[in-house]
């Protein structure tokens, strides 16, 4: 698979990005990383907020590459496309997809399904993905990096 094949399947569509859009997505990712570490938050909220940061970072990578995910299965498509943008290997994509499903259960179905360890892992993953996306954009699309 590739971004082009995802586009042909209508899972993503062409999109013209800008440094302003990338800056806004990074600002959201940074805010969420910061908020996920506020003392006193339960593990479900820390996990959910950090997960959202990874989505914002991945959306920035996809936008820089000239695409936007369609609404149907948006979270899944953004996660899968990280393989084609920042080069996450399939194992990392599977871990993120597992966390995506776990987040869904925690938010919509079951209290107490996220441990403190999982929340901490998600926060660290959010930080790493944010760094990785910025590095990738700086080498592949430097004109889109916020000044």
Protein backbone atom coordinates (compact mmCIF):
# COMPACT_ATOMS: atom_id res chain seq x y z
CA UNK A 1 0.00 0.00 0.00
CA UNK A 2 0.95 3.65 -0.37
CA UNK A 3 -0.58 7.10 0.00
CA UNK A 4 -1.59 6.89 -3.66
CA UNK A 5 -3.38 3.56 -3.14
CA UNK A 6 -5.15 4.98 -0.08
CA UNK A 7 -6.21 7.89 -2.26
CA UNK A 8 -7.49 5.56 -4.99
CA UNK A 9 -9.50 3.71 -2.31
CA UNK A 10 -10.91 7.08 -1.21
CA UNK A 11 -9.62 6.67 2.35
CA UNK A 12 -7.63 9.89 1.98
CA UNK A 13 -7.89 12.77 -0.46
CA UNK A 14 -5.56 15.35 -1.93
CA UNK A 15 -5.02 18.42 0.22
CA UNK A 16 -2.93 21.58 -0.13
CA UNK A 17 -1.33 22.34 3.19
CA UNK A 18 0.43 25.44 4.50
CA UNK A 19 2.90 26.34 7.20
CA UNK A 20 -0.01 27.91 9.06
CA UNK A 21 -1.95 24.63 9.09
CA UNK A 22 1.12 22.67 10.21
CA UNK A 23 1.78 25.21 12.98
CA UNK A 24 -1.83 24.90 14.18
CA UNK A 25 -1.63 21.09 14.23
CA UNK A 26 1.67 21.19 16.12
CA UNK A 27 0.16 23.67 18.60
CA UNK A 28 -2.71 21.24 19.25
CA UNK A 29 -0.28 18.33 19.64
CA UNK A 30 1.90 20.34 22.04
CA UNK A 31 -1.12 21.47 24.06
CA UNK A 32 -2.31 17.90 24.39
CA UNK A 33 1.11 16.62 25.45
CA UNK A 34 1.22 19.30 28.12
CA UNK A 35 -2.36 18.68 29.28
CA UNK A 36 -1.83 14.90 29.42
CA UNK A 37 0.72 15.50 32.18
CA UNK A 38 -1.43 17.66 34.48
CA UNK A 39 -1.22 16.19 38.00
CA UNK A 40 -4.36 14.52 39.25
CA UNK A 41 -5.74 13.34 35.92
CA UNK A 42 -6.86 9.74 35.83
CA UNK A 43 -5.10 7.33 33.47
CA UNK A 44 -8.02 7.25 31.01
CA UNK A 45 -7.89 11.03 30.52
CA UNK A 46 -4.09 11.14 30.31
CA UNK A 47 -4.19 8.37 27.73
CA UNK A 48 -6.99 9.99 25.71
CA UNK A 49 -5.35 13.42 25.66
CA UNK A 50 -1.95 11.98 24.68
CA UNK A 51 -3.62 9.84 22.01
CA UNK A 52 -5.18 12.99 20.57
CA UNK A 53 -1.72 14.53 20.39
CA UNK A 54 -0.53 11.62 18.25
CA UNK A 55 -3.49 12.17 15.92
CA UNK A 56 -2.65 15.87 15.53
CA UNK A 57 1.00 15.08 14.79
CA UNK A 58 0.08 12.38 12.30
CA UNK A 59 -2.46 14.68 10.66
CA UNK A 60 0.35 17.23 10.24
CA UNK A 61 2.51 14.62 8.51
CA UNK A 62 -0.32 13.58 6.22
CA UNK A 63 -1.12 17.21 5.40
CA UNK A 64 2.53 17.95 4.65
CA UNK A 65 2.52 15.01 2.23
CA UNK A 66 -0.47 16.57 0.46
CA UNK A 67 -3.35 14.51 1.86
CA UNK A 68 -6.19 14.57 4.37
CA UNK A 69 -8.01 11.55 5.81
CA UNK A 70 -11.67 11.09 4.92
CA UNK A 71 -14.11 11.15 7.83
CA UNK A 72 -14.96 7.45 7.67
CA UNK A 73 -12.42 5.59 9.84
CA UNK A 74 -10.37 8.77 10.11
CA UNK A 75 -8.36 7.74 13.19
CA UNK A 76 -7.48 4.38 11.65
CA UNK A 77 -6.44 5.91 8.32
CA UNK A 78 -4.29 8.58 9.97
CA UNK A 79 -2.55 5.89 12.03
CA UNK A 80 -2.00 3.61 9.03
CA UNK A 81 -0.61 6.44 6.91
CA UNK A 82 2.22 7.05 9.39
CA UNK A 83 3.93 4.11 7.71
CA UNK A 84 3.97 6.06 4.43
CA UNK A 85 4.81 9.47 5.88
CA UNK A 86 7.23 9.34 8.81
CA UNK A 87 8.15 5.71 8.17
CA UNK A 88 6.74 3.94 11.22
CA UNK A 89 7.27 0.23 10.85
CA UNK A 90 4.31 -2.12 10.83
CA UNK A 91 4.89 -3.11 14.47
CA UNK A 92 4.63 0.51 15.61
CA UNK A 93 1.51 0.99 13.49
CA UNK A 94 -0.03 -2.10 15.12
CA UNK A 95 0.77 -0.76 18.61
CA UNK A 96 -0.88 2.56 17.76
CA UNK A 97 -3.91 0.76 16.36
CA UNK A 98 -4.13 -1.30 19.55
CA UNK A 99 -4.05 1.94 21.54
CA UNK A 100 -6.72 3.39 19.23
CA UNK A 101 -9.03 0.47 20.04
CA UNK A 102 -8.17 0.64 23.75
CA UNK A 103 -8.99 4.35 23.78
CA UNK A 104 -12.37 3.62 22.19
CA UNK A 105 -13.20 1.14 24.95
CA UNK A 106 -12.03 3.56 27.66
CA UNK A 107 -13.97 6.52 26.28
CA UNK A 108 -17.19 4.79 25.27
CA UNK A 109 -17.53 1.44 26.99
CA UNK A 110 -15.59 0.65 30.17
CA UNK A 111 -14.25 2.61 33.12
CA UNK A 112 -10.85 1.49 34.40
CA UNK A 113 -9.61 -0.12 31.20
CA UNK A 114 -6.42 2.02 31.02
CA UNK A 115 -3.61 1.51 33.52
CA UNK A 116 -1.20 4.17 34.73
CA UNK A 117 1.56 2.38 32.82
CA UNK A 118 -0.43 2.48 29.57
CA UNK A 119 -1.17 6.16 30.10
CA UNK A 120 2.54 6.87 30.65
CA UNK A 121 3.41 4.86 27.52
CA UNK A 122 0.91 6.87 25.49
CA UNK A 123 2.34 10.18 26.75
CA UNK A 124 5.88 9.11 25.82
CA UNK A 125 4.66 7.89 22.44
CA UNK A 126 2.95 11.24 21.82
CA UNK A 127 6.19 13.08 22.57
CA UNK A 128 8.22 10.81 20.31
CA UNK A 129 5.75 11.00 17.42
CA UNK A 130 5.61 14.79 17.70
CA UNK A 131 9.42 14.98 17.48
CA UNK A 132 9.54 12.47 14.66
CA UNK A 133 6.94 14.29 12.57
CA UNK A 134 8.67 17.64 12.97
CA UNK A 135 12.02 16.10 11.96
CA UNK A 136 10.41 14.40 8.97
CA UNK A 137 8.70 17.57 7.79
CA UNK A 138 11.93 19.54 8.22
CA UNK A 139 13.74 17.17 5.85
CA UNK A 140 10.93 16.42 3.38
CA UNK A 141 8.88 19.64 3.33
CA UNK A 142 10.94 22.37 5.06
CA UNK A 143 8.84 25.12 3.48
CA UNK A 144 5.87 23.91 5.56
CA UNK A 145 7.63 24.15 8.89
CA UNK A 146 6.35 27.00 11.01
CA UNK A 147 8.82 29.86 11.33
